[in-house]
Amino acid sequence: MNRKYFMGLTLIAALAVAPTTWACGSPGQKTHVGKVMAVDMTKKSFTIFDVQTATPITFISDESMLKDLQDVRGMVQVKYEHAGDALKAIDVRY
C-alpha cells in the first residue's frame, strides 16, 4: 500500500474518532457518549455506560425521550445540564 495513502487514511480515521473522545473529556461540552444500559420510566431516568470513564452514568429525562431510548441498541451522545445533584438530559443523539 502506498505510504501517503495509508497516512491519509490514518489521519481521516483519527479526525473521525476525535470529536467523540473530546466530547466526554471537555467539561464545557457537557456531553457523555455511551451505550444505553437501562431506561426507568417510573424514575424518569436512563443510564448509559460511558465510554471514557468506563462507568455507568444516570440522567433524568422527560417521558418522550425515554420512550425513544427504549429501543436504542447502539451508542448515544447525551447533552446534559445540571439539575441540583442530578444530570438532566437535554438532547440525545443516536
PDB file of N, CA and C in Angstrom:
ATOM      1  N   MET A   1       0.851  -1.173   0.000  1.00  0.00           N
ATOM      2  CA  MET A   1       0.000   0.000   0.000  1.00  0.00           C
ATOM      3  C   MET A   1       0.901   1.241   0.000  1.00  0.00           C
ATOM      4  N   ASN A   2       0.517   2.228  -0.730  1.00  0.00           N
ATOM      5  CA  ASN A   2       1.259   3.467  -0.825  1.00  0.00           C
ATOM      6  C   ASN A   2       1.292   4.150   0.549  1.00  0.00           C
ATOM      7  N   ARG A   3       2.462   4.606   0.954  1.00  0.00           N
ATOM      8  CA  ARG A   3       2.624   5.214   2.284  1.00  0.00           C
ATOM      9  C   ARG A   3       1.757   6.473   2.447  1.00  0.00           C
ATOM     10  N   LYS A   4       1.696   7.331   1.430  1.00  0.00           N
ATOM     11  CA  LYS A   4       0.872   8.546   1.516  1.00  0.00           C
ATOM     12  C   LYS A   4      -0.608   8.186   1.662  1.00  0.00           C
ATOM     13  N   TYR A   5      -1.047   7.181   0.948  1.00  0.00           N
ATOM     14  CA  TYR A   5      -2.430   6.734   1.034  1.00  0.00           C
ATOM     15  C   TYR A   5      -2.735   6.245   2.456  1.00  0.00           C
ATOM     16  N   PHE A   6      -1.849   5.436   3.008  1.00  0.00           N
ATOM     17  CA  PHE A   6      -2.016   4.911   4.365  1.00  0.00           C
ATOM     18  C   PHE A   6      -2.041   6.043   5.387  1.00  0.00           C
ATOM     19  N   MET A   7      -1.152   7.008   5.266  1.00  0.00           N
ATOM     20  CA  MET A   7      -1.109   8.139   6.205  1.00  0.00           C
ATOM     21  C   MET A   7      -2.390   8.968   6.098  1.00  0.00           C
ATOM     22  N   GLY A   8      -2.897   9.144   4.901  1.00  0.00           N
ATOM     23  CA  GLY A   8      -4.141   9.885   4.703  1.00  0.00           C
ATOM     24  C   GLY A   8      -5.320   9.192   5.363  1.00  0.00           C
ATOM     25  N   LEU A   9      -5.400   7.879   5.196  1.00  0.00           N
ATOM     26  CA  LEU A   9      -6.471   7.118   5.837  1.00  0.00           C
ATOM     27  C   LEU A   9      -6.369   7.185   7.361  1.00  0.00           C
ATOM     28  N   THR A  10      -5.160   7.123   7.878  1.00  0.00           N
ATOM     29  CA  THR A  10      -4.951   7.208   9.321  1.00  0.00           C
ATOM     30  C   THR A  10      -5.408   8.556   9.849  1.00  0.00           C
ATOM     31  N   LEU A  11      -5.084   9.627   9.153  1.00  0.00           N
ATOM     32  CA  LEU A  11      -5.489  10.972   9.569  1.00  0.00           C
ATOM     33  C   LEU A  11      -7.010  11.124   9.538  1.00  0.00           C
ATOM     34  N   ILE A  12      -7.642  10.624   8.495  1.00  0.00           N
ATOM     35  CA  ILE A  12      -9.103  10.703   8.397  1.00  0.00           C
ATOM     36  C   ILE A  12      -9.758   9.928   9.538  1.00  0.00           C
ATOM     37  N   ALA A  13      -9.250   8.743   9.833  1.00  0.00           N
ATOM     38  CA  ALA A  13      -9.814   7.936  10.920  1.00  0.00           C
ATOM     39  C   ALA A  13      -9.643   8.644  12.261  1.00  0.00           C
ATOM     40  N   ALA A  14      -8.484   9.257  12.496  1.00  0.00           N
ATOM     41  CA  ALA A  14      -8.240   9.966  13.759  1.00  0.00           C
ATOM     42  C   ALA A  14      -9.176  11.156  13.910  1.00  0.00           C
ATOM     43  N   LEU A  15      -9.403  11.884  12.835  1.00  0.00           N
ATOM     44  CA  LEU A  15     -10.305  13.035  12.895  1.00  0.00           C
ATOM     45  C   LEU A  15     -11.758  12.612  13.097  1.00  0.00           C
ATOM     46  N   ALA A  16     -12.126  11.458  12.566  1.00  0.00           N
ATOM     47  CA  ALA A  16     -13.499  10.974  12.727  1.00  0.00           C
ATOM     48  C   ALA A  16     -13.774  10.533  14.161  1.00  0.00           C
ATOM     49  N   VAL A  17     -12.779   9.976  14.831  1.00  0.00           N
ATOM     50  CA  VAL A  17     -12.938   9.480  16.201  1.00  0.00           C
ATOM     51  C   VAL A  17     -12.740  10.593  17.226  1.00  0.00           C
ATOM     52  N   ALA A  18     -11.938  11.568  16.938  1.00  0.00           N
ATOM     53  CA  ALA A  18     -11.570  12.609  17.906  1.00  0.00           C
ATOM     54  C   ALA A  18     -12.748  13.350  18.527  1.00  0.00           C
ATOM     55  N   PRO A  19     -13.754  13.812  17.776  1.00  0.00           N
ATOM     56  CA  PRO A  19     -14.855  14.538  18.425  1.00  0.00           C
ATOM     57  C   PRO A  19     -15.590  13.717  19.468  1.00  0.00           C
ATOM     58  N   THR A  20     -15.741  12.414  19.245  1.00  0.00           N
ATOM     59  CA  THR A  20     -16.393  11.553  20.226  1.00  0.00           C
ATOM     60  C   THR A  20     -15.559  11.469  21.488  1.00  0.00           C
ATOM     61  N   THR A  21     -14.263  11.363  21.358  1.00  0.00           N
ATOM     62  CA  THR A  21     -13.380  11.283  22.513  1.00  0.00           C
ATOM     63  C   THR A  21     -13.364  12.602  23.259  1.00  0.00           C
ATOM     64  N   TRP A  22     -13.293  13.709  22.559  1.00  0.00           N
ATOM     65  CA  TRP A  22     -13.246  15.015  23.209  1.00  0.00           C
ATOM     66  C   TRP A  22     -14.545  15.339  23.927  1.00  0.00           C
ATOM     67  N   ALA A  23     -15.657  14.815  23.428  1.00  0.00           N
ATOM     68  CA  ALA A  23     -16.957  15.175  23.995  1.00  0.00           C
ATOM     69  C   ALA A  23     -17.033  14.871  25.475  1.00  0.00           C
ATOM     70  N   CYS A  24     -16.562  13.713  25.889  1.00  0.00           N
ATOM     71  CA  CYS A  24     -16.630  13.354  27.300  1.00  0.00           C
ATOM     72  C   CYS A  24     -15.574  14.092  28.113  1.00  0.00           C
ATOM     73  N   GLY A  25     -14.425  14.351  27.514  1.00  0.00           N
ATOM     74  CA  GLY A  25     -13.307  14.906  28.260  1.00  0.00           C
ATOM     75  C   GLY A  25     -13.387  16.389  28.534  1.00  0.00           C
ATOM     76  N   SER A  26     -14.212  17.105  27.820  1.00  0.00           N
ATOM     77  CA  SER A  26     -14.268  18.550  27.978  1.00  0.00           C
ATOM     78  C   SER A  26     -15.472  18.946  28.829  1.00  0.00           C
ATOM     79  N   PRO A  27     -15.243  19.465  30.020  1.00  0.00           N
ATOM     80  CA  PRO A  27     -16.360  19.828  30.887  1.00  0.00           C
ATOM     81  C   PRO A  27     -17.285  20.880  30.271  1.00  0.00           C
ATOM     82  N   GLY A  28     -16.747  21.744  29.434  1.00  0.00           N
ATOM     83  CA  GLY A  28     -17.557  22.770  28.796  1.00  0.00           C
ATOM     84  C   GLY A  28     -18.568  22.188  27.815  1.00  0.00           C
ATOM     85  N   GLN A  29     -18.294  21.016  27.306  1.00  0.00           N
ATOM     86  CA  GLN A  29     -19.185  20.381  26.342  1.00  0.00           C
ATOM     87  C   GLN A  29     -20.446  19.823  26.996  1.00  0.00           C
ATOM     88  N   LYS A  30     -20.357  19.431  28.251  1.00  0.00           N
ATOM     89  CA  LYS A  30     -21.472  18.800  28.971  1.00  0.00           C
ATOM     90  C   LYS A  30     -22.107  17.716  28.120  1.00  0.00           C
ATOM     91  N   THR A  31     -21.274  16.780  27.678  1.00  0.00           N
ATOM     92  CA  THR A  31     -21.701  15.694  26.818  1.00  0.00           C
ATOM     93  C   THR A  31     -21.042  14.399  27.275  1.00  0.00           C
ATOM     94  N   HIS A  32     -21.811  13.325  27.262  1.00  0.00           N
ATOM     95  CA  HIS A  32     -21.278  11.987  27.522  1.00  0.00           C
ATOM     96  C   HIS A  32     -21.697  11.082  26.383  1.00  0.00           C
ATOM     97  N   VAL A  33     -20.861  10.099  26.072  1.00  0.00           N
ATOM     98  CA  VAL A  33     -21.115   9.155  24.999  1.00  0.00           C
ATOM     99  C   VAL A  33     -21.050   7.753  25.582  1.00  0.00           C
ATOM    100  N   GLY A  34     -22.020   6.925  25.236  1.00  0.00           N
ATOM    101  CA  GLY A  34     -22.002   5.559  25.725  1.00  0.00           C
ATOM    102  C   GLY A  34     -23.193   4.771  25.229  1.00  0.00           C
ATOM    103  N   LYS A  35     -23.303   3.553  25.736  1.00  0.00           N
ATOM    104  CA  LYS A  35     -24.385   2.650  25.354  1.00  0.00           C
ATOM    105  C   LYS A  35     -25.466   2.656  26.430  1.00  0.00           C
ATOM    106  N   VAL A  36     -26.724   2.688  26.002  1.00  0.00           N
ATOM    107  CA  VAL A  36     -27.839   2.683  26.943  1.00  0.00           C
ATOM    108  C   VAL A  36     -27.883   1.334  27.659  1.00  0.00           C
ATOM    109  N   MET A  37     -27.857   1.390  28.992  1.00  0.00           N
ATOM    110  CA  MET A  37     -27.918   0.174  29.807  1.00  0.00           C
ATOM    111  C   MET A  37     -29.332  -0.080  30.314  1.00  0.00           C
ATOM    112  N   ALA A  38     -30.027   1.000  30.708  1.00  0.00           N
ATOM    113  CA  ALA A  38     -31.355   0.843  31.305  1.00  0.00           C
ATOM    114  C   ALA A  38     -32.178   2.107  31.114  1.00  0.00           C
ATOM    115  N   VAL A  39     -33.490   1.906  31.013  1.00  0.00           N
ATOM    116  CA  VAL A  39     -34.445   3.008  30.966  1.00  0.00           C
ATOM    117  C   VAL A  39     -35.477   2.732  32.052  1.00  0.00           C
ATOM    118  N   ASP A  40     -35.648   3.679  32.970  1.00  0.00           N
ATOM    119  CA  ASP A  40     -36.584   3.513  34.080  1.00  0.00           C
ATOM    120  C   ASP A  40     -37.689   4.565  33.946  1.00  0.00           C
ATOM    121  N   MET A  41     -38.846   4.118  33.447  1.00  0.00           N
ATOM    122  CA  MET A  41     -39.961   5.040  33.222  1.00  0.00           C
ATOM    123  C   MET A  41     -40.538   5.574  34.529  1.00  0.00           C
ATOM    124  N   THR A  42     -40.499   4.795  35.610  1.00  0.00           N
ATOM    125  CA  THR A  42     -41.070   5.256  36.878  1.00  0.00           C
ATOM    126  C   THR A  42     -40.223   6.344  37.516  1.00  0.00           C
ATOM    127  N   LYS A  43     -38.886   6.238  37.383  1.00  0.00           N
ATOM    128  CA  LYS A  43     -37.993   7.261  37.937  1.00  0.00           C
ATOM    129  C   LYS A  43     -37.683   8.358  36.929  1.00  0.00           C
ATOM    130  N   LYS A  44     -38.216   8.191  35.693  1.00  0.00           N
ATOM    131  CA  LYS A  44     -37.963   9.128  34.597  1.00  0.00           C
ATOM    132  C   LYS A  44     -36.457   9.351  34.414  1.00  0.00           C
ATOM    133  N   SER A  45     -35.745   8.226  34.267  1.00  0.00           N
ATOM    134  CA  SER A  45     -34.290   8.294  34.118  1.00  0.00           C
ATOM    135  C   SER A  45     -33.807   7.195  33.172  1.00  0.00           C
ATOM    136  N   PHE A  46     -32.586   7.365  32.702  1.00  0.00           N
ATOM    137  CA  PHE A  46     -31.923   6.319  31.933  1.00  0.00           C
ATOM    138  C   PHE A  46     -30.445   6.334  32.281  1.00  0.00           C
ATOM    139  N   THR A  47     -29.808   5.194  32.070  1.00  0.00           N
ATOM    140  CA  THR A  47     -28.395   5.025  32.414  1.00  0.00           C
ATOM    141  C   THR A  47     -27.637   4.585  31.177  1.00  0.00           C
ATOM    142  N   ILE A  48     -26.478   5.216  30.964  1.00  0.00           N
ATOM    143  CA  ILE A  48     -25.577   4.784  29.892  1.00  0.00           C
ATOM    144  C   ILE A  48     -24.284   4.290  30.518  1.00  0.00           C
ATOM    145  N   PHE A  49     -23.555   3.440  29.793  1.00  0.00           N
ATOM    146  CA  PHE A  49     -22.207   3.051  30.194  1.00  0.00           C
ATOM    147  C   PHE A  49     -21.269   3.952  29.414  1.00  0.00           C
ATOM    148  N   ASP A  50     -20.695   4.943  30.101  1.00  0.00           N
ATOM    149  CA  ASP A  50     -19.862   5.970  29.479  1.00  0.00           C
ATOM    150  C   ASP A  50     -18.562   5.364  28.953  1.00  0.00           C
ATOM    151  N   VAL A  51     -18.224   5.657  27.694  1.00  0.00           N
ATOM    152  CA  VAL A  51     -17.041   5.055  27.073  1.00  0.00           C
ATOM    153  C   VAL A  51     -15.735   5.611  27.617  1.00  0.00           C
ATOM    154  N   GLN A  52     -15.705   6.857  28.042  1.00  0.00           N
ATOM    155  CA  GLN A  52     -14.450   7.423  28.508  1.00  0.00           C
ATOM    156  C   GLN A  52     -14.147   7.035  29.951  1.00  0.00           C
ATOM    157  N   THR A  53     -15.137   7.141  30.811  1.00  0.00           N
ATOM    158  CA  THR A  53     -14.898   6.856  32.225  1.00  0.00           C
ATOM    159  C   THR A  53     -15.096   5.386  32.560  1.00  0.00           C
ATOM    160  N   ALA A  54     -15.682   4.631  31.642  1.00  0.00           N
ATOM    161  CA  ALA A  54     -15.981   3.207  31.844  1.00  0.00           C
ATOM    162  C   ALA A  54     -16.813   2.994  33.106  1.00  0.00           C
ATOM    163  N   THR A  55     -17.785   3.890  33.317  1.00  0.00           N
ATOM    164  CA  THR A  55     -18.697   3.788  34.453  1.00  0.00           C
ATOM    165  C   THR A  55     -20.117   4.104  33.984  1.00  0.00           C
ATOM    166  N   PRO A  56     -21.109   3.606  34.713  1.00  0.00           N
ATOM    167  CA  PRO A  56     -22.489   3.973  34.383  1.00  0.00           C
ATOM    168  C   PRO A  56     -22.789   5.401  34.828  1.00  0.00           C
ATOM    169  N   ILE A  57     -23.547   6.122  34.014  1.00  0.00           N
ATOM    170  CA  ILE A  57     -23.974   7.486  34.342  1.00  0.00           C
ATOM    171  C   ILE A  57     -25.484   7.545  34.131  1.00  0.00           C
ATOM    172  N   THR A  58     -26.206   8.045  35.126  1.00  0.00           N
ATOM    173  CA  THR A  58     -27.658   8.133  35.060  1.00  0.00           C
ATOM    174  C   THR A  58     -28.096   9.574  34.836  1.00  0.00           C
ATOM    175  N   PHE A  59     -29.064   9.734  33.933  1.00  0.00           N
ATOM    176  CA  PHE A  59     -29.625  11.035  33.597  1.00  0.00           C
ATOM    177  C   PHE A  59     -31.123  11.014  33.858  1.00  0.00           C
ATOM    178  N   ILE A  60     -31.670  12.134  34.310  1.00  0.00           N
ATOM    179  CA  ILE A  60     -33.124  12.271  34.352  1.00  0.00           C
ATOM    180  C   ILE A  60     -33.559  12.836  33.008  1.00  0.00           C
ATOM    181  N   SER A  61     -34.810  12.553  32.646  1.00  0.00           N
ATOM    182  CA  SER A  61     -35.258  12.962  31.322  1.00  0.00           C
ATOM    183  C   SER A  61     -36.773  13.045  31.278  1.00  0.00           C
ATOM    184  N   ASP A  62     -37.296  13.593  30.182  1.00  0.00           N
ATOM    185  CA  ASP A  62     -38.743  13.620  30.013  1.00  0.00           C
ATOM    186  C   ASP A  62     -39.221  12.304  29.392  1.00  0.00           C
ATOM    187  N   GLU A  63     -40.496  12.070  29.501  1.00  0.00           N
ATOM    188  CA  GLU A  63     -41.067  10.792  29.096  1.00  0.00           C
ATOM    189  C   GLU A  63     -40.894  10.500  27.608  1.00  0.00           C
ATOM    190  N   SER A  64     -41.022  11.505  26.758  1.00  0.00           N
ATOM    191  CA  SER A  64     -40.911  11.265  25.317  1.00  0.00           C
ATOM    192  C   SER A  64     -39.495  10.814  24.934  1.00  0.00           C
ATOM    193  N   MET A  65     -38.488  11.399  25.564  1.00  0.00           N
ATOM    194  CA  MET A  65     -37.105  10.998  25.290  1.00  0.00           C
ATOM    195  C   MET A  65     -36.870   9.568  25.762  1.00  0.00           C
ATOM    196  N   LEU A  66     -37.446   9.208  26.913  1.00  0.00           N
ATOM    197  CA  LEU A  66     -37.278   7.859  27.450  1.00  0.00           C
ATOM    198  C   LEU A  66     -37.924   6.811  26.544  1.00  0.00           C
ATOM    199  N   LYS A  67     -39.089   7.112  25.998  1.00  0.00           N
ATOM    200  CA  LYS A  67     -39.754   6.171  25.095  1.00  0.00           C
ATOM    201  C   LYS A  67     -38.885   5.893  23.879  1.00  0.00           C
ATOM    202  N   ASP A  68     -38.261   6.931  23.343  1.00  0.00           N
ATOM    203  CA  ASP A  68     -37.382   6.755  22.182  1.00  0.00           C
ATOM    204  C   ASP A  68     -36.161   5.906  22.530  1.00  0.00           C
ATOM    205  N   LEU A  69     -35.659   6.022  23.750  1.00  0.00           N
ATOM    206  CA  LEU A  69     -34.439   5.319  24.147  1.00  0.00           C
ATOM    207  C   LEU A  69     -34.660   3.837  24.437  1.00  0.00           C
ATOM    208  N   GLN A  70     -35.881   3.418  24.659  1.00  0.00           N
ATOM    209  CA  GLN A  70     -36.148   2.021  24.993  1.00  0.00           C
ATOM    210  C   GLN A  70     -35.711   1.053  23.893  1.00  0.00           C
ATOM    211  N   ASP A  71     -35.717   1.484  22.655  1.00  0.00           N
ATOM    212  CA  ASP A  71     -35.374   0.608  21.540  1.00  0.00           C
ATOM    213  C   ASP A  71     -33.975   0.846  20.977  1.00  0.00           C
ATOM    214  N   VAL A  72     -33.217   1.760  21.561  1.00  0.00           N
ATOM    215  CA  VAL A  72     -31.872   2.068  21.054  1.00  0.00           C
ATOM    216  C   VAL A  72     -30.906   0.968  21.477  1.00  0.00           C
ATOM    217  N   ARG A  73     -30.137   0.458  20.522  1.00  0.00           N
ATOM    218  CA  ARG A  73     -29.186  -0.615  20.802  1.00  0.00           C
ATOM    219  C   ARG A  73     -27.729  -0.187  20.651  1.00  0.00           C
ATOM    220  N   GLY A  74     -27.476   0.927  19.993  1.00  0.00           N
ATOM    221  CA  GLY A  74     -26.106   1.360  19.748  1.00  0.00           C
ATOM    222  C   GLY A  74     -25.658   2.448  20.710  1.00  0.00           C
ATOM    223  N   MET A  75     -24.665   3.185  20.291  1.00  0.00           N
ATOM    224  CA  MET A  75     -24.105   4.269  21.089  1.00  0.00           C
ATOM    225  C   MET A  75     -24.996   5.506  21.009  1.00  0.00           C
ATOM    226  N   VAL A  76     -25.006   6.273  22.103  1.00  0.00           N
ATOM    227  CA  VAL A  76     -25.748   7.533  22.144  1.00  0.00           C
ATOM    228  C   VAL A  76     -24.817   8.639  22.638  1.00  0.00           C
ATOM    229  N   GLN A  77     -25.125   9.847  22.237  1.00  0.00           N
ATOM    230  CA  GLN A  77     -24.416  11.036  22.711  1.00  0.00           C
ATOM    231  C   GLN A  77     -25.443  11.864  23.475  1.00  0.00           C
ATOM    232  N   VAL A  78     -25.180  12.109  24.760  1.00  0.00           N
ATOM    233  CA  VAL A  78     -26.133  12.792  25.620  1.00  0.00           C
ATOM    234  C   VAL A  78     -25.593  14.162  26.010  1.00  0.00           C
ATOM    235  N   LYS A  79     -26.305  15.210  25.626  1.00  0.00           N
ATOM    236  CA  LYS A  79     -26.007  16.563  26.116  1.00  0.00           C
ATOM    237  C   LYS A  79     -26.851  16.755  27.355  1.00  0.00           C
ATOM    238  N   TYR A  80     -26.266  17.342  28.387  1.00  0.00           N
ATOM    239  CA  TYR A  80     -26.969  17.453  29.654  1.00  0.00           C
ATOM    240  C   TYR A  80     -26.705  18.788  30.323  1.00  0.00           C
ATOM    241  N   GLU A  81     -27.497  19.051  31.355  1.00  0.00           N
ATOM    242  CA  GLU A  81     -27.272  20.201  32.223  1.00  0.00           C
ATOM    243  C   GLU A  81     -27.441  19.700  33.653  1.00  0.00           C
ATOM    244  N   HIS A  82     -26.897  20.443  34.590  1.00  0.00           N
ATOM    245  CA  HIS A  82     -27.013  20.065  35.995  1.00  0.00           C
ATOM    246  C   HIS A  82     -28.373  20.509  36.529  1.00  0.00           C
ATOM    247  N   ALA A  83     -29.017  19.616  37.256  1.00  0.00           N
ATOM    248  CA  ALA A  83     -30.300  19.910  37.906  1.00  0.00           C
ATOM    249  C   ALA A  83     -30.137  19.496  39.369  1.00  0.00           C
ATOM    250  N   GLY A  84     -29.540  20.384  40.150  1.00  0.00           N
ATOM    251  CA  GLY A  84     -29.206  20.028  41.532  1.00  0.00           C
ATOM    252  C   GLY A  84     -28.086  19.011  41.524  1.00  0.00           C
ATOM    253  N   ASP A  85     -28.303  17.871  42.173  1.00  0.00           N
ATOM    254  CA  ASP A  85     -27.303  16.802  42.196  1.00  0.00           C
ATOM    255  C   ASP A  85     -27.423  15.864  41.000  1.00  0.00           C
ATOM    256  N   ALA A  86     -28.473  16.014  40.212  1.00  0.00           N
ATOM    257  CA  ALA A  86     -28.721  15.122  39.082  1.00  0.00           C
ATOM    258  C   ALA A  86     -28.212  15.735  37.774  1.00  0.00           C
ATOM    259  N   LEU A  87     -28.102  14.874  36.761  1.00  0.00           N
ATOM    260  CA  LEU A  87     -27.787  15.309  35.404  1.00  0.00           C
ATOM    261  C   LEU A  87     -29.066  15.180  34.586  1.00  0.00           C
ATOM    262  N   LYS A  88     -29.502  16.264  33.959  1.00  0.00           N
ATOM    263  CA  LYS A  88     -30.726  16.261  33.168  1.00  0.00           C
ATOM    264  C   LYS A  88     -30.367  16.242  31.687  1.00  0.00           C
ATOM    265  N   ALA A  89     -30.809  15.208  30.997  1.00  0.00           N
ATOM    266  CA  ALA A  89     -30.561  15.101  29.559  1.00  0.00           C
ATOM    267  C   ALA A  89     -31.406  16.135  28.825  1.00  0.00           C
ATOM    268  N   ILE A  90     -30.744  16.920  27.979  1.00  0.00           N
ATOM    269  CA  ILE A  90     -31.468  17.908  27.194  1.00  0.00           C
ATOM    270  C   ILE A  90     -31.505  17.547  25.708  1.00  0.00           C
ATOM    271  N   ASP A  91     -30.605  16.621  25.289  1.00  0.00           N
ATOM    272  CA  ASP A  91     -30.584  16.174  23.898  1.00  0.00           C
ATOM    273  C   ASP A  91     -29.880  14.830  23.837  1.00  0.00           C
ATOM    274  N   VAL A  92     -30.436  13.898  23.100  1.00  0.00           N
ATOM    275  CA  VAL A  92     -29.814  12.583  22.904  1.00  0.00           C
ATOM    276  C   VAL A  92     -29.759  12.312  21.412  1.00  0.00           C
ATOM    277  N   ARG A  93     -28.581  11.962  20.947  1.00  0.00           N
ATOM    278  CA  ARG A  93     -28.391  11.624  19.521  1.00  0.00           C
ATOM    279  C   ARG A  93     -27.901  10.193  19.422  1.00  0.00           C
ATOM    280  N   TYR A  94     -28.445   9.489  18.454  1.00  0.00           N
ATOM    281  CA  TYR A  94     -28.051   8.094  18.222  1.00  0.00           C
ATOM    282  C   TYR A  94     -28.115   7.748  16.767  1.00  0.00           C
TER     283      TYR A  94
END
